[in-house]
Amino acid sequence: QEALETAIAKFNKDSATMSNSVKDVKRGELQKMLQDLQQEDQRIQQQLQQRQIEIDPKKLSYSYLKIFFK
């Protein structure tokens, strides 16, 4: 996350001197970094949920009930 924030700050600082095509490429790179970070976060959340279920299987049924009976 820190790397993404640093890259965004650098882009914002340097973008005034970039051509539109360079901005587009850099923007695409930043979007890819964000997407990768979001996927990693999702993977970690799924692993955490799996570990919690392994520790307490009752949480699985509670999770499903919580989804269906909001």
PDB file of N, CA and C in Angstrom:
ATOM      1  N   GLN A   1       0.833  -1.185   0.000  1.00  0.00           N
ATOM      2  CA  GLN A   1       0.000   0.000   0.000  1.00  0.00           C
ATOM      3  C   GLN A   1       0.879   1.250   0.000  1.00  0.00           C
ATOM      4  N   GLU A   2       1.947   1.202   0.769  1.00  0.00           N
ATOM      5  CA  GLU A   2       2.848   2.349   0.828  1.00  0.00           C
ATOM      6  C   GLU A   2       3.475   2.622  -0.539  1.00  0.00           C
ATOM      7  N   ALA A   3       3.821   1.556  -1.251  1.00  0.00           N
ATOM      8  CA  ALA A   3       4.411   1.718  -2.583  1.00  0.00           C
ATOM      9  C   ALA A   3       3.415   2.386  -3.531  1.00  0.00           C
ATOM     10  N   LEU A   4       2.156   1.995  -3.431  1.00  0.00           N
ATOM     11  CA  LEU A   4       1.121   2.602  -4.276  1.00  0.00           C
ATOM     12  C   LEU A   4       0.952   4.080  -3.933  1.00  0.00           C
ATOM     13  N   GLU A   5       0.891   4.385  -2.659  1.00  0.00           N
ATOM     14  CA  GLU A   5       0.735   5.781  -2.247  1.00  0.00           C
ATOM     15  C   GLU A   5       1.912   6.630  -2.713  1.00  0.00           C
ATOM     16  N   THR A   6       3.116   6.076  -2.627  1.00  0.00           N
ATOM     17  CA  THR A   6       4.309   6.779  -3.095  1.00  0.00           C
ATOM     18  C   THR A   6       4.249   7.005  -4.600  1.00  0.00           C
ATOM     19  N   ALA A   7       3.833   5.970  -5.329  1.00  0.00           N
ATOM     20  CA  ALA A   7       3.735   6.078  -6.786  1.00  0.00           C
ATOM     21  C   ALA A   7       2.684   7.108  -7.195  1.00  0.00           C
ATOM     22  N   ILE A   8       1.566   7.150  -6.471  1.00  0.00           N
ATOM     23  CA  ILE A   8       0.519   8.136  -6.771  1.00  0.00           C
ATOM     24  C   ILE A   8       1.033   9.550  -6.503  1.00  0.00           C
ATOM     25  N   ALA A   9       1.719   9.722  -5.385  1.00  0.00           N
ATOM     26  CA  ALA A   9       2.267  11.042  -5.055  1.00  0.00           C
ATOM     27  C   ALA A   9       3.272  11.487  -6.116  1.00  0.00           C
ATOM     28  N   LYS A  10       4.108  10.570  -6.567  1.00  0.00           N
ATOM     29  CA  LYS A  10       5.087  10.886  -7.614  1.00  0.00           C
ATOM     30  C   LYS A  10       4.378  11.241  -8.916  1.00  0.00           C
ATOM     31  N   PHE A  11       3.353  10.478  -9.259  1.00  0.00           N
ATOM     32  CA  PHE A  11       2.584  10.767 -10.475  1.00  0.00           C
ATOM     33  C   PHE A  11       1.976  12.170 -10.392  1.00  0.00           C
ATOM     34  N   ASN A  12       1.360  12.479  -9.270  1.00  0.00           N
ATOM     35  CA  ASN A  12       0.730  13.792  -9.109  1.00  0.00           C
ATOM     36  C   ASN A  12       1.761  14.916  -9.207  1.00  0.00           C
ATOM     37  N   LYS A  13       2.933  14.679  -8.646  1.00  0.00           N
ATOM     38  CA  LYS A  13       3.994  15.686  -8.667  1.00  0.00           C
ATOM     39  C   LYS A  13       4.541  15.882 -10.077  1.00  0.00           C
ATOM     40  N   ASP A  14       4.751  14.773 -10.785  1.00  0.00           N
ATOM     41  CA  ASP A  14       5.422  14.820 -12.085  1.00  0.00           C
ATOM     42  C   ASP A  14       4.474  14.959 -13.272  1.00  0.00           C
ATOM     43  N   SER A  15       3.188  14.809 -13.052  1.00  0.00           N
ATOM     44  CA  SER A  15       2.253  14.746 -14.181  1.00  0.00           C
ATOM     45  C   SER A  15       2.189  16.041 -14.993  1.00  0.00           C
ATOM     46  N   ALA A  16       2.504  17.154 -14.389  1.00  0.00           N
ATOM     47  CA  ALA A  16       2.451  18.427 -15.116  1.00  0.00           C
ATOM     48  C   ALA A  16       3.449  18.461 -16.267  1.00  0.00           C
ATOM     49  N   THR A  17       4.520  17.706 -16.141  1.00  0.00           N
ATOM     50  CA  THR A  17       5.554  17.712 -17.185  1.00  0.00           C
ATOM     51  C   THR A  17       5.441  16.522 -18.130  1.00  0.00           C
ATOM     52  N   MET A  18       4.443  15.676 -17.940  1.00  0.00           N
ATOM     53  CA  MET A  18       4.292  14.473 -18.770  1.00  0.00           C
ATOM     54  C   MET A  18       3.378  14.744 -19.957  1.00  0.00           C
ATOM     55  N   SER A  19       3.652  14.050 -21.039  1.00  0.00           N
ATOM     56  CA  SER A  19       2.733  14.098 -22.177  1.00  0.00           C
ATOM     57  C   SER A  19       1.489  13.277 -21.827  1.00  0.00           C
ATOM     58  N   ASN A  20       0.433  13.472 -22.582  1.00  0.00           N
ATOM     59  CA  ASN A  20      -0.805  12.730 -22.324  1.00  0.00           C
ATOM     60  C   ASN A  20      -0.600  11.228 -22.452  1.00  0.00           C
ATOM     61  N   SER A  21       0.195  10.802 -23.426  1.00  0.00           N
ATOM     62  CA  SER A  21       0.411   9.362 -23.602  1.00  0.00           C
ATOM     63  C   SER A  21       1.185   8.772 -22.426  1.00  0.00           C
ATOM     64  N   VAL A  22       2.157   9.509 -21.903  1.00  0.00           N
ATOM     65  CA  VAL A  22       2.905   9.031 -20.732  1.00  0.00           C
ATOM     66  C   VAL A  22       1.985   8.988 -19.519  1.00  0.00           C
ATOM     67  N   LYS A  23       1.140  10.009 -19.374  1.00  0.00           N
ATOM     68  CA  LYS A  23       0.176  10.013 -18.266  1.00  0.00           C
ATOM     69  C   LYS A  23      -0.731   8.790 -18.337  1.00  0.00           C
ATOM     70  N   ASP A  24      -1.192   8.474 -19.540  1.00  0.00           N
ATOM     71  CA  ASP A  24      -2.073   7.314 -19.709  1.00  0.00           C
ATOM     72  C   ASP A  24      -1.375   6.028 -19.299  1.00  0.00           C
ATOM     73  N   VAL A  25      -0.122   5.876 -19.701  1.00  0.00           N
ATOM     74  CA  VAL A  25       0.644   4.674 -19.344  1.00  0.00           C
ATOM     75  C   VAL A  25       0.838   4.610 -17.837  1.00  0.00           C
ATOM     76  N   LYS A  26       1.259   5.722 -17.245  1.00  0.00           N
ATOM     77  CA  LYS A  26       1.487   5.762 -15.794  1.00  0.00           C
ATOM     78  C   LYS A  26       0.186   5.520 -15.034  1.00  0.00           C
ATOM     79  N   ARG A  27      -0.904   6.096 -15.524  1.00  0.00           N
ATOM     80  CA  ARG A  27      -2.208   5.893 -14.882  1.00  0.00           C
ATOM     81  C   ARG A  27      -2.589   4.412 -14.929  1.00  0.00           C
ATOM     82  N   GLY A  28      -2.330   3.773 -16.054  1.00  0.00           N
ATOM     83  CA  GLY A  28      -2.599   2.340 -16.186  1.00  0.00           C
ATOM     84  C   GLY A  28      -1.766   1.520 -15.216  1.00  0.00           C
ATOM     85  N   GLU A  29      -0.504   1.910 -15.047  1.00  0.00           N
ATOM     86  CA  GLU A  29       0.368   1.212 -14.094  1.00  0.00           C
ATOM     87  C   GLU A  29      -0.161   1.360 -12.667  1.00  0.00           C
ATOM     88  N   LEU A  30      -0.622   2.557 -12.332  1.00  0.00           N
ATOM     89  CA  LEU A  30      -1.178   2.789 -10.995  1.00  0.00           C
ATOM     90  C   LEU A  30      -2.454   1.980 -10.787  1.00  0.00           C
ATOM     91  N   GLN A  31      -3.290   1.918 -11.811  1.00  0.00           N
ATOM     92  CA  GLN A  31      -4.519   1.128 -11.709  1.00  0.00           C
ATOM     93  C   GLN A  31      -4.195  -0.346 -11.514  1.00  0.00           C
ATOM     94  N   LYS A  32      -3.166  -0.827 -12.202  1.00  0.00           N
ATOM     95  CA  LYS A  32      -2.741  -2.228 -12.054  1.00  0.00           C
ATOM     96  C   LYS A  32      -2.227  -2.475 -10.637  1.00  0.00           C
ATOM     97  N   MET A  33      -1.441  -1.537 -10.111  1.00  0.00           N
ATOM     98  CA  MET A  33      -0.948  -1.674  -8.737  1.00  0.00           C
ATOM     99  C   MET A  33      -2.110  -1.731  -7.752  1.00  0.00           C
ATOM    100  N   LEU A  34      -3.107  -0.869  -7.951  1.00  0.00           N
ATOM    101  CA  LEU A  34      -4.277  -0.852  -7.072  1.00  0.00           C
ATOM    102  C   LEU A  34      -5.038  -2.166  -7.166  1.00  0.00           C
ATOM    103  N   GLN A  35      -5.227  -2.656  -8.378  1.00  0.00           N
ATOM    104  CA  GLN A  35      -5.935  -3.919  -8.581  1.00  0.00           C
ATOM    105  C   GLN A  35      -5.190  -5.065  -7.896  1.00  0.00           C
ATOM    106  N   ASP A  36      -3.874  -5.100  -8.050  1.00  0.00           N
ATOM    107  CA  ASP A  36      -3.074  -6.145  -7.409  1.00  0.00           C
ATOM    108  C   ASP A  36      -3.200  -6.073  -5.891  1.00  0.00           C
ATOM    109  N   LEU A  37      -3.174  -4.866  -5.360  1.00  0.00           N
ATOM    110  CA  LEU A  37      -3.303  -4.676  -3.917  1.00  0.00           C
ATOM    111  C   LEU A  37      -4.675  -5.138  -3.430  1.00  0.00           C
ATOM    112  N   GLN A  38      -5.723  -4.816  -4.178  1.00  0.00           N
ATOM    113  CA  GLN A  38      -7.072  -5.238  -3.799  1.00  0.00           C
ATOM    114  C   GLN A  38      -7.211  -6.757  -3.848  1.00  0.00           C
ATOM    115  N   GLN A  39      -6.615  -7.386  -4.853  1.00  0.00           N
ATOM    116  CA  GLN A  39      -6.671  -8.844  -4.957  1.00  0.00           C
ATOM    117  C   GLN A  39      -5.912  -9.497  -3.803  1.00  0.00           C
ATOM    118  N   GLU A  40      -4.773  -8.928  -3.444  1.00  0.00           N
ATOM    119  CA  GLU A  40      -4.006  -9.455  -2.316  1.00  0.00           C
ATOM    120  C   GLU A  40      -4.801  -9.307  -1.021  1.00  0.00           C
ATOM    121  N   ASP A  41      -5.452  -8.170  -0.849  1.00  0.00           N
ATOM    122  CA  ASP A  41      -6.276  -7.957   0.336  1.00  0.00           C
ATOM    123  C   ASP A  41      -7.410  -8.970   0.394  1.00  0.00           C
ATOM    124  N   GLN A  42      -8.048  -9.226  -0.735  1.00  0.00           N
ATOM    125  CA  GLN A  42      -9.137 -10.198  -0.785  1.00  0.00           C
ATOM    126  C   GLN A  42      -8.626 -11.597  -0.447  1.00  0.00           C
ATOM    127  N   ARG A  43      -7.459 -11.951  -0.981  1.00  0.00           N
ATOM    128  CA  ARG A  43      -6.877 -13.264  -0.704  1.00  0.00           C
ATOM    129  C   ARG A  43      -6.584 -13.415   0.793  1.00  0.00           C
ATOM    130  N   ILE A  44      -6.038 -12.373   1.390  1.00  0.00           N
ATOM    131  CA  ILE A  44      -5.722 -12.410   2.820  1.00  0.00           C
ATOM    132  C   ILE A  44      -7.000 -12.517   3.645  1.00  0.00           C
ATOM    133  N   GLN A  45      -8.040 -11.768   3.269  1.00  0.00           N
ATOM    134  CA  GLN A  45      -9.313 -11.837   3.984  1.00  0.00           C
ATOM    135  C   GLN A  45      -9.912 -13.241   3.913  1.00  0.00           C
ATOM    136  N   GLN A  46      -9.815 -13.869   2.740  1.00  0.00           N
ATOM    137  CA  GLN A  46     -10.333 -15.228   2.584  1.00  0.00           C
ATOM    138  C   GLN A  46      -9.538 -16.214   3.436  1.00  0.00           C
ATOM    139  N   GLN A  47      -8.224 -16.042   3.485  1.00  0.00           N
ATOM    140  CA  GLN A  47      -7.401 -16.911   4.323  1.00  0.00           C
ATOM    141  C   GLN A  47      -7.750 -16.724   5.792  1.00  0.00           C
ATOM    142  N   LEU A  48      -7.948 -15.487   6.197  1.00  0.00           N
ATOM    143  CA  LEU A  48      -8.312 -15.203   7.581  1.00  0.00           C
ATOM    144  C   LEU A  48      -9.646 -15.848   7.925  1.00  0.00           C
ATOM    145  N   GLN A  49     -10.605 -15.723   7.027  1.00  0.00           N
ATOM    146  CA  GLN A  49     -11.913 -16.331   7.264  1.00  0.00           C
ATOM    147  C   GLN A  49     -11.781 -17.851   7.363  1.00  0.00           C
ATOM    148  N   GLN A  50     -10.977 -18.439   6.487  1.00  0.00           N
ATOM    149  CA  GLN A  50     -10.778 -19.889   6.524  1.00  0.00           C
ATOM    150  C   GLN A  50     -10.149 -20.318   7.841  1.00  0.00           C
ATOM    151  N   ARG A  51      -9.168 -19.561   8.315  1.00  0.00           N
ATOM    152  CA  ARG A  51      -8.519 -19.890   9.595  1.00  0.00           C
ATOM    153  C   ARG A  51      -9.513 -19.782  10.748  1.00  0.00           C
ATOM    154  N   GLN A  52     -10.358 -18.758  10.692  1.00  0.00           N
ATOM    155  CA  GLN A  52     -11.351 -18.590  11.753  1.00  0.00           C
ATOM    156  C   GLN A  52     -12.330 -19.754  11.759  1.00  0.00           C
ATOM    157  N   ILE A  53     -12.693 -20.234  10.582  1.00  0.00           N
ATOM    158  CA  ILE A  53     -13.598 -21.378  10.484  1.00  0.00           C
ATOM    159  C   ILE A  53     -12.922 -22.628  11.027  1.00  0.00           C
ATOM    160  N   GLU A  54     -11.634 -22.787  10.733  1.00  0.00           N
ATOM    161  CA  GLU A  54     -10.905 -23.950  11.242  1.00  0.00           C
ATOM    162  C   GLU A  54     -10.844 -23.926  12.763  1.00  0.00           C
ATOM    163  N   ILE A  55     -10.724 -22.725  13.316  1.00  0.00           N
ATOM    164  CA  ILE A  55     -10.656 -22.593  14.773  1.00  0.00           C
ATOM    165  C   ILE A  55     -12.034 -22.797  15.392  1.00  0.00           C
ATOM    166  N   ASP A  56     -13.056 -22.219  14.775  1.00  0.00           N
ATOM    167  CA  ASP A  56     -14.419 -22.290  15.301  1.00  0.00           C
ATOM    168  C   ASP A  56     -15.401 -22.509  14.152  1.00  0.00           C
ATOM    169  N   PRO A  57     -15.694 -23.770  13.822  1.00  0.00           N
ATOM    170  CA  PRO A  57     -16.585 -24.068  12.687  1.00  0.00           C
ATOM    171  C   PRO A  57     -17.973 -23.433  12.808  1.00  0.00           C
ATOM    172  N   LYS A  58     -18.407 -23.103  14.020  1.00  0.00           N
ATOM    173  CA  LYS A  58     -19.721 -22.472  14.194  1.00  0.00           C
ATOM    174  C   LYS A  58     -19.781 -21.118  13.499  1.00  0.00           C
ATOM    175  N   LYS A  59     -18.632 -20.476  13.342  1.00  0.00           N
ATOM    176  CA  LYS A  59     -18.609 -19.167  12.694  1.00  0.00           C
ATOM    177  C   LYS A  59     -19.056 -19.254  11.246  1.00  0.00           C
ATOM    178  N   LEU A  60     -18.845 -20.391  10.610  1.00  0.00           N
ATOM    179  CA  LEU A  60     -19.269 -20.556   9.221  1.00  0.00           C
ATOM    180  C   LEU A  60     -20.784 -20.438   9.130  1.00  0.00           C
ATOM    181  N   SER A  61     -21.491 -21.179   9.973  1.00  0.00           N
ATOM    182  CA  SER A  61     -22.952 -21.114   9.918  1.00  0.00           C
ATOM    183  C   SER A  61     -23.435 -19.728  10.327  1.00  0.00           C
ATOM    184  N   TYR A  62     -22.768 -19.105  11.265  1.00  0.00           N
ATOM    185  CA  TYR A  62     -23.134 -17.747  11.663  1.00  0.00           C
ATOM    186  C   TYR A  62     -22.953 -16.783  10.493  1.00  0.00           C
ATOM    187  N   SER A  63     -21.876 -16.948   9.732  1.00  0.00           N
ATOM    188  CA  SER A  63     -21.623 -16.079   8.580  1.00  0.00           C
ATOM    189  C   SER A  63     -22.743 -16.193   7.563  1.00  0.00           C
ATOM    190  N   TYR A  64     -23.183 -17.410   7.294  1.00  0.00           N
ATOM    191  CA  TYR A  64     -24.261 -17.594   6.332  1.00  0.00           C
ATOM    192  C   TYR A  64     -25.565 -16.997   6.852  1.00  0.00           C
ATOM    193  N   LEU A  65     -25.846 -17.186   8.123  1.00  0.00           N
ATOM    194  CA  LEU A  65     -27.058 -16.605   8.698  1.00  0.00           C
ATOM    195  C   LEU A  65     -27.015 -15.084   8.618  1.00  0.00           C
ATOM    196  N   LYS A  66     -25.857 -14.531   8.871  1.00  0.00           N
ATOM    197  CA  LYS A  66     -25.692 -13.087   8.832  1.00  0.00           C
ATOM    198  C   LYS A  66     -25.951 -12.544   7.424  1.00  0.00           C
ATOM    199  N   ILE A  67     -25.537 -13.283   6.420  1.00  0.00           N
ATOM    200  CA  ILE A  67     -25.741 -12.864   5.030  1.00  0.00           C
ATOM    201  C   ILE A  67     -27.221 -12.886   4.672  1.00  0.00           C
ATOM    202  N   PHE A  68     -27.915 -13.950   5.058  1.00  0.00           N
ATOM    203  CA  PHE A  68     -29.298 -14.119   4.649  1.00  0.00           C
ATOM    204  C   PHE A  68     -30.295 -13.342   5.499  1.00  0.00           C
ATOM    205  N   PHE A  69     -29.931 -13.033   6.726  1.00  0.00           N
ATOM    206  CA  PHE A  69     -30.868 -12.362   7.634  1.00  0.00           C
ATOM    207  C   PHE A  69     -30.297 -11.040   8.126  1.00  0.00           C
ATOM    208  N   LYS A  70     -30.007 -10.156   7.195  1.00  0.00           N
ATOM    209  CA  LYS A  70     -29.464  -8.843   7.571  1.00  0.00           C
ATOM    210  C   LYS A  70     -30.524  -7.995   8.211  1.00  0.00           C
TER     211      LYS A  70
END
